[in-house]
Amino acid sequence: MLKRKDFFNSTAQYEESSATNHIVQGTEINGDLISDSNVLIDGEMNGNISCSGKVIIGSTGKVKGNLVCVHGEIQGSVDGEVTVEGLLTLTSTARIQGDIQTAKLVIQEGAIFEGSCVMKSPISHTPFTADVKLDA
């Protein structure tokens, strides 16, 4: 499965990009997609998606593969594992068949989700400056 570098353990902050890759309705892509910019899918994607930004699966969008991203909004369908570092929103038209791992989750009434969900919080790096003395 594709993974974002240092997933859930990154010290870098996500900066929202204004650039968006748009896969329009009627387009079918077979293969993996890796992007540093936001992605909007209204067509069909047969492959894994790894994105350092926000991924939106539009109401006509269909993904058969795993999704790894910083933030996600699903209005269409996903058949695969979904791993989101921040907020994942499932709208009322969302259809997911697969497991979810995310820090924050919003599910609107009407969304269909078949799988398990693990809620993870980003790991904070605590600097240790004090000396630790172990008892012998």
N, C-alpha and C. Protein backbone atom coordinates (compact mmCIF):
# COMPACT_ATOMS: atom_id res chain seq x y z
N MET A 1 0.84 -1.18 0.00
CA MET A 1 0.00 0.00 0.00
C MET A 1 0.88 1.25 0.00
N LEU A 2 0.45 2.28 -0.69
CA LEU A 2 1.16 3.54 -0.69
C LEU A 2 1.01 4.22 0.66
N LYS A 3 2.05 4.86 1.12
CA LYS A 3 1.98 5.58 2.39
C LYS A 3 2.64 6.93 2.23
N ARG A 4 2.07 7.92 2.93
CA ARG A 4 2.73 9.21 3.01
C ARG A 4 3.91 9.06 3.93
N LYS A 5 5.00 9.76 3.64
CA LYS A 5 6.21 9.68 4.43
C LYS A 5 5.94 10.07 5.88
N ASP A 6 6.42 9.24 6.81
CA ASP A 6 6.26 9.48 8.24
C ASP A 6 4.80 9.74 8.63
N PHE A 7 3.89 8.94 8.09
CA PHE A 7 2.46 9.12 8.33
C PHE A 7 2.14 9.11 9.82
N PHE A 8 1.34 10.04 10.28
CA PHE A 8 0.94 10.22 11.67
C PHE A 8 2.12 10.50 12.59
N ASN A 9 3.29 10.77 12.03
CA ASN A 9 4.46 10.99 12.87
C ASN A 9 5.28 12.13 12.28
N SER A 10 4.67 12.94 11.44
CA SER A 10 5.38 13.99 10.74
C SER A 10 5.42 15.27 11.56
N THR A 11 6.54 15.96 11.50
CA THR A 11 6.64 17.24 12.19
C THR A 11 6.28 18.39 11.25
N ALA A 12 6.19 18.10 9.96
CA ALA A 12 5.85 19.13 8.98
C ALA A 12 4.36 19.44 9.05
N GLN A 13 4.02 20.69 8.88
CA GLN A 13 2.62 21.11 8.90
C GLN A 13 2.07 21.09 7.48
N TYR A 14 0.82 20.67 7.35
CA TYR A 14 0.13 20.65 6.07
C TYR A 14 -0.22 22.07 5.68
N GLU A 15 0.17 22.47 4.49
CA GLU A 15 -0.18 23.78 3.97
C GLU A 15 -1.18 23.58 2.85
N GLU A 16 -2.36 24.17 3.00
CA GLU A 16 -3.40 23.98 2.00
C GLU A 16 -2.98 24.59 0.68
N SER A 17 -3.03 23.80 -0.37
CA SER A 17 -2.64 24.22 -1.70
C SER A 17 -3.86 24.72 -2.45
N SER A 18 -3.66 25.70 -3.30
CA SER A 18 -4.76 26.18 -4.14
C SER A 18 -4.83 25.38 -5.44
N ALA A 19 -3.77 24.63 -5.74
CA ALA A 19 -3.74 23.81 -6.95
C ALA A 19 -4.54 22.53 -6.72
N THR A 20 -5.38 22.17 -7.69
CA THR A 20 -6.18 20.96 -7.59
C THR A 20 -6.14 20.19 -8.89
N ASN A 21 -5.83 18.90 -8.80
CA ASN A 21 -5.91 18.00 -9.94
C ASN A 21 -7.35 17.53 -10.03
N HIS A 22 -7.97 17.67 -11.20
CA HIS A 22 -9.38 17.32 -11.36
C HIS A 22 -9.51 16.21 -12.39
N ILE A 23 -10.01 15.07 -11.94
CA ILE A 23 -10.32 13.96 -12.83
C ILE A 23 -11.82 14.04 -13.10
N VAL A 24 -12.18 14.45 -14.29
CA VAL A 24 -13.59 14.75 -14.60
C VAL A 24 -14.40 13.49 -14.86
N GLN A 25 -15.73 13.63 -14.76
CA GLN A 25 -16.64 12.54 -15.03
C GLN A 25 -16.45 12.06 -16.46
N GLY A 26 -16.45 10.74 -16.67
CA GLY A 26 -16.23 10.17 -17.99
C GLY A 26 -14.78 9.75 -18.21
N THR A 27 -13.89 10.09 -17.26
CA THR A 27 -12.49 9.71 -17.35
C THR A 27 -12.25 8.51 -16.47
N GLU A 28 -11.49 7.54 -16.98
CA GLU A 28 -11.12 6.36 -16.21
C GLU A 28 -9.61 6.26 -16.19
N ILE A 29 -9.04 6.16 -15.00
CA ILE A 29 -7.60 6.04 -14.84
C ILE A 29 -7.29 4.68 -14.22
N ASN A 30 -6.35 3.95 -14.84
CA ASN A 30 -5.89 2.67 -14.33
C ASN A 30 -4.43 2.82 -13.94
N GLY A 31 -4.16 2.77 -12.64
CA GLY A 31 -2.80 2.94 -12.14
C GLY A 31 -2.82 3.78 -10.88
N ASP A 32 -1.66 3.90 -10.24
CA ASP A 32 -1.56 4.65 -8.99
C ASP A 32 -1.40 6.14 -9.25
N LEU A 33 -1.92 6.95 -8.34
CA LEU A 33 -1.83 8.41 -8.42
C LEU A 33 -1.11 8.92 -7.19
N ILE A 34 -0.03 9.68 -7.39
CA ILE A 34 0.73 10.29 -6.31
C ILE A 34 0.77 11.78 -6.58
N SER A 35 0.34 12.59 -5.58
CA SER A 35 0.25 14.03 -5.79
C SER A 35 0.60 14.81 -4.53
N ASP A 36 1.28 15.95 -4.73
CA ASP A 36 1.53 16.89 -3.63
C ASP A 36 0.44 17.95 -3.56
N SER A 37 -0.42 18.00 -4.58
CA SER A 37 -1.52 18.98 -4.63
C SER A 37 -2.83 18.28 -4.30
N ASN A 38 -3.88 19.07 -4.11
CA ASN A 38 -5.21 18.52 -3.86
C ASN A 38 -5.69 17.74 -5.07
N VAL A 39 -6.61 16.80 -4.83
CA VAL A 39 -7.14 15.97 -5.91
C VAL A 39 -8.66 15.92 -5.80
N LEU A 40 -9.34 16.14 -6.92
CA LEU A 40 -10.80 16.02 -7.01
C LEU A 40 -11.11 14.97 -8.07
N ILE A 41 -11.79 13.90 -7.67
CA ILE A 41 -12.09 12.82 -8.60
C ILE A 41 -13.59 12.73 -8.81
N ASP A 42 -14.01 13.03 -10.04
CA ASP A 42 -15.41 12.86 -10.44
C ASP A 42 -15.54 11.70 -11.41
N GLY A 43 -14.42 11.16 -11.87
CA GLY A 43 -14.40 10.02 -12.78
C GLY A 43 -14.13 8.73 -12.02
N GLU A 44 -13.51 7.76 -12.72
CA GLU A 44 -13.21 6.47 -12.11
C GLU A 44 -11.71 6.30 -11.98
N MET A 45 -11.29 5.79 -10.83
CA MET A 45 -9.88 5.56 -10.54
C MET A 45 -9.71 4.12 -10.11
N ASN A 46 -8.93 3.35 -10.87
CA ASN A 46 -8.62 1.97 -10.52
C ASN A 46 -7.15 1.91 -10.14
N GLY A 47 -6.88 2.12 -8.88
CA GLY A 47 -5.51 2.15 -8.39
C GLY A 47 -5.47 2.90 -7.07
N ASN A 48 -4.29 2.95 -6.48
CA ASN A 48 -4.11 3.60 -5.18
C ASN A 48 -3.86 5.09 -5.35
N ILE A 49 -4.25 5.86 -4.33
CA ILE A 49 -4.04 7.31 -4.33
C ILE A 49 -3.24 7.68 -3.10
N SER A 50 -2.15 8.41 -3.28
CA SER A 50 -1.35 8.94 -2.19
C SER A 50 -1.21 10.44 -2.42
N CYS A 51 -1.70 11.23 -1.47
CA CYS A 51 -1.76 12.68 -1.67
C CYS A 51 -1.30 13.42 -0.43
N SER A 52 -0.46 14.43 -0.64
CA SER A 52 0.01 15.28 0.46
C SER A 52 -0.93 16.45 0.70
N GLY A 53 -2.12 16.39 0.17
CA GLY A 53 -3.12 17.44 0.34
C GLY A 53 -4.47 16.83 0.63
N LYS A 54 -5.52 17.49 0.14
CA LYS A 54 -6.89 17.03 0.36
C LYS A 54 -7.36 16.26 -0.88
N VAL A 55 -8.06 15.16 -0.63
CA VAL A 55 -8.65 14.38 -1.71
C VAL A 55 -10.16 14.44 -1.56
N ILE A 56 -10.84 14.82 -2.65
CA ILE A 56 -12.30 14.84 -2.68
C ILE A 56 -12.74 13.84 -3.75
N ILE A 57 -13.54 12.87 -3.33
CA ILE A 57 -14.16 11.94 -4.27
C ILE A 57 -15.57 12.49 -4.49
N GLY A 58 -15.80 13.07 -5.66
CA GLY A 58 -17.09 13.70 -5.96
C GLY A 58 -18.22 12.69 -6.01
N SER A 59 -19.44 13.18 -6.12
CA SER A 59 -20.62 12.31 -6.08
C SER A 59 -20.64 11.31 -7.23
N THR A 60 -19.98 11.62 -8.35
CA THR A 60 -19.90 10.67 -9.47
C THR A 60 -18.57 9.91 -9.47
N GLY A 61 -17.72 10.18 -8.50
CA GLY A 61 -16.41 9.56 -8.43
C GLY A 61 -16.45 8.15 -7.87
N LYS A 62 -15.61 7.28 -8.45
CA LYS A 62 -15.51 5.89 -8.00
C LYS A 62 -14.04 5.54 -7.91
N VAL A 63 -13.62 5.05 -6.74
CA VAL A 63 -12.23 4.65 -6.54
C VAL A 63 -12.20 3.18 -6.13
N LYS A 64 -11.43 2.38 -6.86
CA LYS A 64 -11.17 0.99 -6.50
C LYS A 64 -9.68 0.91 -6.20
N GLY A 65 -9.35 1.05 -4.92
CA GLY A 65 -7.96 1.06 -4.49
C GLY A 65 -7.87 1.75 -3.14
N ASN A 66 -6.68 1.80 -2.61
CA ASN A 66 -6.46 2.41 -1.30
C ASN A 66 -6.21 3.90 -1.43
N LEU A 67 -6.64 4.64 -0.41
CA LEU A 67 -6.50 6.10 -0.39
C LEU A 67 -5.72 6.50 0.85
N VAL A 68 -4.64 7.28 0.65
CA VAL A 68 -3.86 7.83 1.75
C VAL A 68 -3.72 9.32 1.49
N CYS A 69 -4.15 10.18 2.46
CA CYS A 69 -4.08 11.62 2.25
C CYS A 69 -4.09 12.36 3.59
N VAL A 70 -3.93 13.68 3.52
CA VAL A 70 -3.95 14.51 4.72
C VAL A 70 -5.38 14.75 5.17
N HIS A 71 -6.26 15.21 4.27
CA HIS A 71 -7.68 15.42 4.54
C HIS A 71 -8.46 14.78 3.41
N GLY A 72 -9.67 14.33 3.70
CA GLY A 72 -10.47 13.69 2.66
C GLY A 72 -11.95 13.98 2.81
N GLU A 73 -12.62 14.03 1.68
CA GLU A 73 -14.09 14.17 1.65
C GLU A 73 -14.59 13.20 0.61
N ILE A 74 -15.48 12.31 1.04
CA ILE A 74 -16.00 11.30 0.12
C ILE A 74 -17.49 11.52 -0.08
N GLN A 75 -17.84 11.78 -1.33
CA GLN A 75 -19.24 11.95 -1.73
C GLN A 75 -19.67 10.76 -2.60
N GLY A 76 -18.71 10.15 -3.27
CA GLY A 76 -18.96 9.02 -4.16
C GLY A 76 -18.64 7.70 -3.48
N SER A 77 -17.98 6.79 -4.22
CA SER A 77 -17.72 5.46 -3.66
C SER A 77 -16.24 5.13 -3.64
N VAL A 78 -15.85 4.39 -2.61
CA VAL A 78 -14.48 3.91 -2.46
C VAL A 78 -14.54 2.45 -2.07
N ASP A 79 -13.82 1.62 -2.82
CA ASP A 79 -13.69 0.20 -2.52
C ASP A 79 -12.22 -0.04 -2.21
N GLY A 80 -11.85 0.08 -0.92
CA GLY A 80 -10.47 -0.07 -0.50
C GLY A 80 -10.26 0.58 0.86
N GLU A 81 -9.03 0.50 1.34
CA GLU A 81 -8.70 1.10 2.64
C GLU A 81 -8.53 2.61 2.50
N VAL A 82 -9.00 3.34 3.51
CA VAL A 82 -8.90 4.80 3.53
C VAL A 82 -8.10 5.20 4.77
N THR A 83 -6.97 5.89 4.56
CA THR A 83 -6.12 6.34 5.66
C THR A 83 -5.96 7.85 5.53
N VAL A 84 -6.45 8.59 6.52
CA VAL A 84 -6.44 10.05 6.47
C VAL A 84 -5.77 10.58 7.73
N GLU A 85 -4.79 11.44 7.54
CA GLU A 85 -4.03 11.98 8.66
C GLU A 85 -4.84 12.96 9.51
N GLY A 86 -5.72 13.72 8.88
CA GLY A 86 -6.51 14.73 9.59
C GLY A 86 -7.99 14.38 9.60
N LEU A 87 -8.80 15.21 8.92
CA LEU A 87 -10.25 15.08 8.91
C LEU A 87 -10.74 14.31 7.69
N LEU A 88 -11.59 13.31 7.93
CA LEU A 88 -12.28 12.59 6.87
C LEU A 88 -13.77 12.86 7.02
N THR A 89 -14.39 13.32 5.92
CA THR A 89 -15.83 13.60 5.92
C THR A 89 -16.51 12.66 4.94
N LEU A 90 -17.51 11.94 5.41
CA LEU A 90 -18.34 11.09 4.55
C LEU A 90 -19.69 11.78 4.42
N THR A 91 -20.00 12.24 3.21
CA THR A 91 -21.28 12.92 2.99
C THR A 91 -22.41 11.91 2.89
N SER A 92 -23.62 12.39 2.77
CA SER A 92 -24.80 11.51 2.75
C SER A 92 -24.81 10.57 1.55
N THR A 93 -24.06 10.89 0.49
CA THR A 93 -24.04 10.05 -0.71
C THR A 93 -22.82 9.11 -0.75
N ALA A 94 -21.99 9.14 0.29
CA ALA A 94 -20.77 8.33 0.32
C ALA A 94 -21.07 6.85 0.48
N ARG A 95 -20.26 6.03 -0.21
CA ARG A 95 -20.35 4.57 -0.12
C ARG A 95 -18.93 4.05 0.01
N ILE A 96 -18.60 3.48 1.18
CA ILE A 96 -17.25 2.96 1.41
C ILE A 96 -17.32 1.49 1.78
N GLN A 97 -16.51 0.70 1.08
CA GLN A 97 -16.36 -0.70 1.42
C GLN A 97 -14.88 -0.92 1.69
N GLY A 98 -14.51 -0.92 2.98
CA GLY A 98 -13.12 -1.06 3.37
C GLY A 98 -12.89 -0.40 4.72
N ASP A 99 -11.72 -0.63 5.26
CA ASP A 99 -11.38 -0.10 6.58
C ASP A 99 -10.94 1.35 6.50
N ILE A 100 -11.18 2.08 7.60
CA ILE A 100 -10.81 3.50 7.70
C ILE A 100 -9.86 3.67 8.89
N GLN A 101 -8.83 4.49 8.67
CA GLN A 101 -7.96 4.93 9.75
C GLN A 101 -7.82 6.44 9.61
N THR A 102 -8.21 7.18 10.65
CA THR A 102 -8.19 8.64 10.58
C THR A 102 -8.07 9.24 11.98
N ALA A 103 -7.76 10.51 12.02
CA ALA A 103 -7.70 11.23 13.31
C ALA A 103 -9.07 11.79 13.67
N LYS A 104 -9.80 12.31 12.67
CA LYS A 104 -11.11 12.91 12.89
C LYS A 104 -12.06 12.40 11.81
N LEU A 105 -13.31 12.14 12.20
CA LEU A 105 -14.28 11.57 11.27
C LEU A 105 -15.64 12.22 11.42
N VAL A 106 -16.22 12.62 10.29
CA VAL A 106 -17.58 13.16 10.24
C VAL A 106 -18.36 12.28 9.27
N ILE A 107 -19.47 11.71 9.76
CA ILE A 107 -20.32 10.88 8.90
C ILE A 107 -21.71 11.48 8.88
N GLN A 108 -22.15 11.91 7.70
CA GLN A 108 -23.49 12.47 7.55
C GLN A 108 -24.51 11.34 7.44
N GLU A 109 -25.72 11.64 7.85
CA GLU A 109 -26.80 10.66 7.76
C GLU A 109 -27.00 10.25 6.31
N GLY A 110 -27.08 8.94 6.08
CA GLY A 110 -27.27 8.41 4.73
C GLY A 110 -26.02 7.78 4.15
N ALA A 111 -24.87 8.11 4.70
CA ALA A 111 -23.62 7.52 4.22
C ALA A 111 -23.60 6.03 4.56
N ILE A 112 -23.00 5.24 3.67
CA ILE A 112 -22.89 3.81 3.88
C ILE A 112 -21.42 3.46 4.03
N PHE A 113 -21.11 2.77 5.13
CA PHE A 113 -19.74 2.41 5.44
C PHE A 113 -19.70 0.96 5.90
N GLU A 114 -19.01 0.09 5.13
CA GLU A 114 -18.87 -1.32 5.48
C GLU A 114 -17.40 -1.59 5.75
N GLY A 115 -17.05 -1.77 7.00
CA GLY A 115 -15.66 -2.01 7.37
C GLY A 115 -15.44 -1.60 8.81
N SER A 116 -14.18 -1.54 9.21
CA SER A 116 -13.87 -1.10 10.56
C SER A 116 -13.20 0.25 10.52
N CYS A 117 -13.21 0.93 11.66
CA CYS A 117 -12.62 2.26 11.75
C CYS A 117 -11.71 2.34 12.97
N VAL A 118 -10.51 2.86 12.77
CA VAL A 118 -9.58 3.09 13.86
C VAL A 118 -9.32 4.58 13.91
N MET A 119 -9.56 5.17 15.09
CA MET A 119 -9.32 6.60 15.27
C MET A 119 -7.94 6.76 15.90
N LYS A 120 -7.07 7.48 15.21
CA LYS A 120 -5.71 7.72 15.71
C LYS A 120 -5.49 9.21 15.81
N SER A 121 -4.76 9.60 16.84
CA SER A 121 -4.39 11.01 16.94
C SER A 121 -2.94 11.13 16.52
N PRO A 122 -2.59 12.24 15.89
CA PRO A 122 -1.20 12.44 15.49
C PRO A 122 -0.28 12.34 16.71
N ILE A 123 0.83 11.70 16.53
CA ILE A 123 1.79 11.54 17.63
C ILE A 123 2.56 12.84 17.80
N SER A 124 2.53 13.37 19.01
CA SER A 124 3.26 14.61 19.26
C SER A 124 4.67 14.26 19.72
N HIS A 125 5.60 15.06 19.28
CA HIS A 125 6.99 14.87 19.66
C HIS A 125 7.26 15.70 20.90
N THR A 126 7.50 15.06 22.03
CA THR A 126 7.78 15.75 23.28
C THR A 126 9.28 15.76 23.49
N PRO A 127 9.88 16.95 23.52
CA PRO A 127 11.33 16.98 23.75
C PRO A 127 11.65 16.67 25.21
N PHE A 128 12.60 15.79 25.40
CA PHE A 128 13.03 15.43 26.74
C PHE A 128 14.34 16.14 27.00
N THR A 129 14.31 17.10 27.94
CA THR A 129 15.51 17.89 28.24
C THR A 129 16.07 17.54 29.61
N ALA A 130 15.26 16.95 30.47
CA ALA A 130 15.72 16.64 31.82
C ALA A 130 16.44 15.29 31.81
N ASP A 131 17.43 15.17 32.66
CA ASP A 131 18.14 13.91 32.82
C ASP A 131 17.25 12.95 33.58
N VAL A 132 17.28 11.70 33.18
CA VAL A 132 16.48 10.68 33.84
C VAL A 132 17.44 9.78 34.61
N LYS A 133 17.14 9.59 35.88
CA LYS A 133 17.97 8.72 36.71
C LYS A 133 17.22 7.44 36.98
N LEU A 134 17.80 6.33 36.62
CA LEU A 134 17.17 5.03 36.84
C LEU A 134 17.63 4.47 38.16
N ASP A 135 16.71 3.93 38.93
CA ASP A 135 17.07 3.28 40.21
C ASP A 135 17.69 1.94 39.92
N ALA A 136 18.81 1.68 40.59
CA ALA A 136 19.52 0.42 40.35
C ALA A 136 19.08 -0.64 41.31
